Amino acid sequence: MFNFKTSKMIHRFLFVTTCFLYSLTSLAQGGAAKFGYVDTDYIMSQIPEFKAAQSELEKTSMQWQKEIEAKFSEVDKLNKAYQADAILLTDDMKKKREIEIGNREKEAKDLQKQRFGVDGEFYKKRQELVKPIQDKVYNAIKAVAEKNALGFILDKSGQVSILYANSKYDKSDDVLVYLGYKK
């Protein structure tokens, strides 16, 4: 199953590996690449549109989760009623109830997959709401890097480790200013 965090972790690993190889090549050629870093979690937390998008996604997720839980609860009730009535039912009646329970369970699972599956409605809604903001931030990071003649900007949020980071190289606030937000 596709996991956004796993994808992000792979992307970061490849990015850091590329940065490392580039810096080795740069040093071998006698030059040194300038690095900067940002904290994308911090940047995103400072953008009201992102907060609104996250809030809307959370609200939608909770609503859909309740709907799915209600479907599974209905299946559970049908199953308990069937277990209680099984002794009194004929074989034909048992089969009909089992089929009904199976169909309801399939409906609940299908709804769960439709809403939260790999290319489900939640993924699409997230892409619709968050991706434009992420693209805007990425373009701002690129512009700040070019303006400051930086070879790389690392992201210190999440899985990427920075053992030492001099705050004079933190470009998070520059990206927010570029985007038109105040600290």
Protein backbone atom coordinates (compact mmCIF):
# COMPACT_ATOMS: atom_id res chain seq x y z
CA MET A 1 0.00 0.00 0.00
CA PHE A 2 1.32 3.44 -0.93
CA ASN A 3 2.18 5.50 2.07
CA PHE A 4 2.79 9.23 1.72
CA LYS A 5 5.32 9.23 4.59
CA THR A 6 7.27 6.36 3.00
CA SER A 7 7.32 8.20 -0.31
CA LYS A 8 8.47 11.36 1.41
CA MET A 9 11.18 9.42 3.24
CA ILE A 10 12.43 7.86 -0.02
CA HIS A 11 12.39 11.27 -1.69
CA ARG A 12 14.42 12.77 1.15
CA PHE A 13 16.92 9.91 1.11
CA LEU A 14 17.47 10.37 -2.63
CA PHE A 15 17.76 14.14 -2.16
CA VAL A 16 20.33 13.85 0.63
CA THR A 17 22.29 11.23 -1.33
CA THR A 18 22.30 13.51 -4.39
CA CYS A 19 23.44 16.44 -2.24
CA PHE A 20 26.24 14.34 -0.76
CA LEU A 21 27.43 13.16 -4.16
CA TYR A 22 27.25 16.69 -5.57
CA SER A 23 29.27 18.08 -2.67
CA LEU A 24 31.92 15.39 -3.13
CA THR A 25 32.12 16.22 -6.84
CA SER A 26 32.23 19.93 -6.06
CA LEU A 27 35.02 19.49 -3.53
CA ALA A 28 36.96 17.29 -5.95
CA GLN A 29 36.76 20.10 -8.51
CA GLY A 30 38.15 22.58 -5.99
CA GLY A 31 34.94 24.43 -5.22
CA ALA A 32 32.52 24.20 -2.36
CA ALA A 33 28.78 24.25 -2.77
CA LYS A 34 26.84 26.54 -0.47
CA PHE A 35 24.05 24.91 1.48
CA GLY A 36 21.04 26.29 3.24
CA TYR A 37 18.23 24.58 5.03
CA VAL A 38 14.57 25.12 5.67
CA ASP A 39 12.02 23.55 7.94
CA THR A 40 9.03 22.84 5.68
CA ASP A 41 6.88 21.83 8.66
CA TYR A 42 7.50 25.28 10.14
CA ILE A 43 6.89 27.02 6.81
CA MET A 44 3.64 25.16 6.20
CA SER A 45 2.46 25.85 9.77
CA GLN A 46 2.85 29.58 9.10
CA ILE A 47 0.65 29.56 5.98
CA PRO A 48 -3.05 30.13 6.77
CA GLU A 49 -4.19 28.44 3.53
CA PHE A 50 -2.34 25.28 4.56
CA LYS A 51 -3.91 25.33 8.03
CA ALA A 52 -7.35 25.75 6.43
CA ALA A 53 -6.67 22.90 4.01
CA GLN A 54 -5.50 20.64 6.85
CA SER A 55 -8.60 21.54 8.87
CA GLU A 56 -10.89 20.77 5.94
CA LEU A 57 -9.11 17.46 5.30
CA GLU A 58 -9.41 16.49 8.97
CA LYS A 59 -13.11 17.39 9.03
CA THR A 60 -13.76 15.40 5.85
CA SER A 61 -11.72 12.45 7.12
CA MET A 62 -13.62 12.34 10.41
CA GLN A 63 -16.98 12.54 8.62
CA TRP A 64 -16.06 9.72 6.22
CA GLN A 65 -14.59 7.63 9.05
CA LYS A 66 -17.85 7.92 11.02
CA GLU A 67 -19.80 6.86 7.94
CA ILE A 68 -17.56 3.81 7.47
CA GLU A 69 -17.70 2.91 11.17
CA ALA A 70 -21.52 3.07 11.00
CA LYS A 71 -21.47 0.60 8.10
CA PHE A 72 -19.19 -1.80 9.98
CA SER A 73 -21.32 -1.39 13.12
CA GLU A 74 -24.37 -2.35 11.07
CA VAL A 75 -22.53 -5.47 9.84
CA ASP A 76 -21.62 -6.32 13.43
CA LYS A 77 -25.26 -5.96 14.56
CA LEU A 78 -26.46 -8.15 11.69
CA ASN A 79 -23.83 -10.75 12.55
CA LYS A 80 -24.77 -10.77 16.26
CA ALA A 81 -28.46 -11.06 15.40
CA TYR A 82 -27.65 -13.92 13.05
CA GLN A 83 -25.62 -15.71 15.73
CA ALA A 84 -28.50 -15.31 18.19
CA ASP A 85 -31.10 -16.55 15.68
CA ALA A 86 -29.00 -19.26 13.98
CA ILE A 87 -30.49 -22.14 15.96
CA LEU A 88 -34.03 -21.23 14.90
CA LEU A 89 -33.29 -20.60 11.21
CA THR A 90 -33.64 -23.04 8.34
CA ASP A 91 -30.68 -23.66 6.05
CA ASP A 92 -32.18 -21.40 3.35
CA MET A 93 -32.77 -18.60 5.86
CA LYS A 94 -29.19 -18.98 7.16
CA LYS A 95 -27.78 -18.72 3.64
CA LYS A 96 -29.85 -15.60 2.90
CA ARG A 97 -28.69 -13.92 6.13
CA GLU A 98 -25.05 -14.91 5.49
CA ILE A 99 -25.25 -13.49 1.98
CA GLU A 100 -26.81 -10.28 3.30
CA ILE A 101 -24.09 -9.94 5.96
CA GLY A 102 -21.40 -10.64 3.36
CA ASN A 103 -22.86 -8.05 0.99
CA ARG A 104 -23.06 -5.40 3.71
CA GLU A 105 -19.48 -6.12 4.78
CA LYS A 106 -18.32 -5.85 1.16
CA GLU A 107 -20.17 -2.52 0.83
CA ALA A 108 -18.41 -1.21 3.95
CA LYS A 109 -14.98 -2.35 2.72
CA ASP A 110 -15.63 -0.93 -0.75
CA LEU A 111 -16.64 2.42 0.76
CA GLN A 112 -13.49 2.41 2.91
CA LYS A 113 -11.35 1.70 -0.16
CA GLN A 114 -13.20 4.33 -2.23
CA ARG A 115 -12.65 7.00 0.43
CA PHE A 116 -9.22 6.11 1.85
CA GLY A 117 -7.66 3.75 -0.71
CA VAL A 118 -4.45 4.44 -2.66
CA ASP A 119 -6.16 6.67 -5.23
CA GLY A 120 -9.24 7.27 -3.10
CA GLU A 121 -11.26 10.41 -2.61
CA PHE A 122 -9.17 11.50 0.40
CA TYR A 123 -5.95 11.32 -1.63
CA LYS A 124 -7.57 13.30 -4.45
CA LYS A 125 -8.96 15.90 -2.06
CA ARG A 126 -5.54 16.25 -0.42
CA GLN A 127 -3.94 16.72 -3.84
CA GLU A 128 -6.56 19.33 -4.70
CA LEU A 129 -6.13 21.31 -1.47
CA VAL A 130 -2.49 20.84 -0.45
CA LYS A 131 -0.49 20.28 -3.65
CA PRO A 132 -0.91 23.86 -4.95
CA ILE A 133 0.40 25.18 -1.62
CA GLN A 134 3.31 22.72 -1.67
CA ASP A 135 4.15 23.76 -5.24
CA LYS A 136 4.05 27.42 -4.23
CA VAL A 137 6.43 26.72 -1.32
CA TYR A 138 8.74 24.67 -3.53
CA ASN A 139 8.94 27.48 -6.08
CA ALA A 140 9.65 29.98 -3.28
CA ILE A 141 12.41 27.73 -1.93
CA LYS A 142 13.92 27.52 -5.39
CA ALA A 143 13.76 31.31 -5.80
CA VAL A 144 15.37 31.90 -2.38
CA ALA A 145 18.11 29.39 -3.19
CA GLU A 146 18.84 31.11 -6.50
CA LYS A 147 18.77 34.57 -4.91
CA ASN A 148 21.27 33.47 -2.23
CA ALA A 149 23.42 31.51 -4.73
CA LEU A 150 22.92 28.31 -2.74
CA GLY A 151 23.75 24.97 -4.25
CA PHE A 152 21.27 23.15 -2.05
CA ILE A 153 18.59 23.74 0.50
CA LEU A 154 18.00 20.84 2.81
CA ASP A 155 14.76 20.19 4.64
CA LYS A 156 15.40 19.59 8.31
CA SER A 157 11.83 18.56 9.14
CA GLY A 158 10.88 14.92 9.31
CA GLN A 159 13.34 12.12 8.66
CA VAL A 160 16.35 14.09 7.41
CA SER A 161 18.90 14.49 10.17
CA ILE A 162 21.11 17.49 10.54
CA LEU A 163 23.68 17.03 13.24
CA TYR A 164 24.63 20.70 13.24
CA ALA A 165 22.77 23.61 11.73
CA ASN A 166 23.98 27.17 11.99
CA SER A 167 20.88 29.37 12.25
CA LYS A 168 22.35 31.93 9.87
CA TYR A 169 21.68 29.41 7.08
CA ASP A 170 18.02 28.85 8.02
CA LYS A 171 16.04 30.23 5.08
CA SER A 172 12.57 29.33 6.38
CA ASP A 173 11.64 32.94 7.18
CA ASP A 174 13.03 34.10 3.79
CA VAL A 175 10.69 31.63 2.07
CA LEU A 176 7.73 32.93 4.12
CA VAL A 177 8.66 36.55 3.24
CA TYR A 178 8.96 35.57 -0.42
CA LEU A 179 5.48 34.05 -0.21
CA GLY A 180 4.20 37.31 1.28
CA TYR A 181 3.83 36.20 4.91
CA LYS A 182 5.30 37.86 7.96
CA LYS A 183 7.21 36.00 10.65
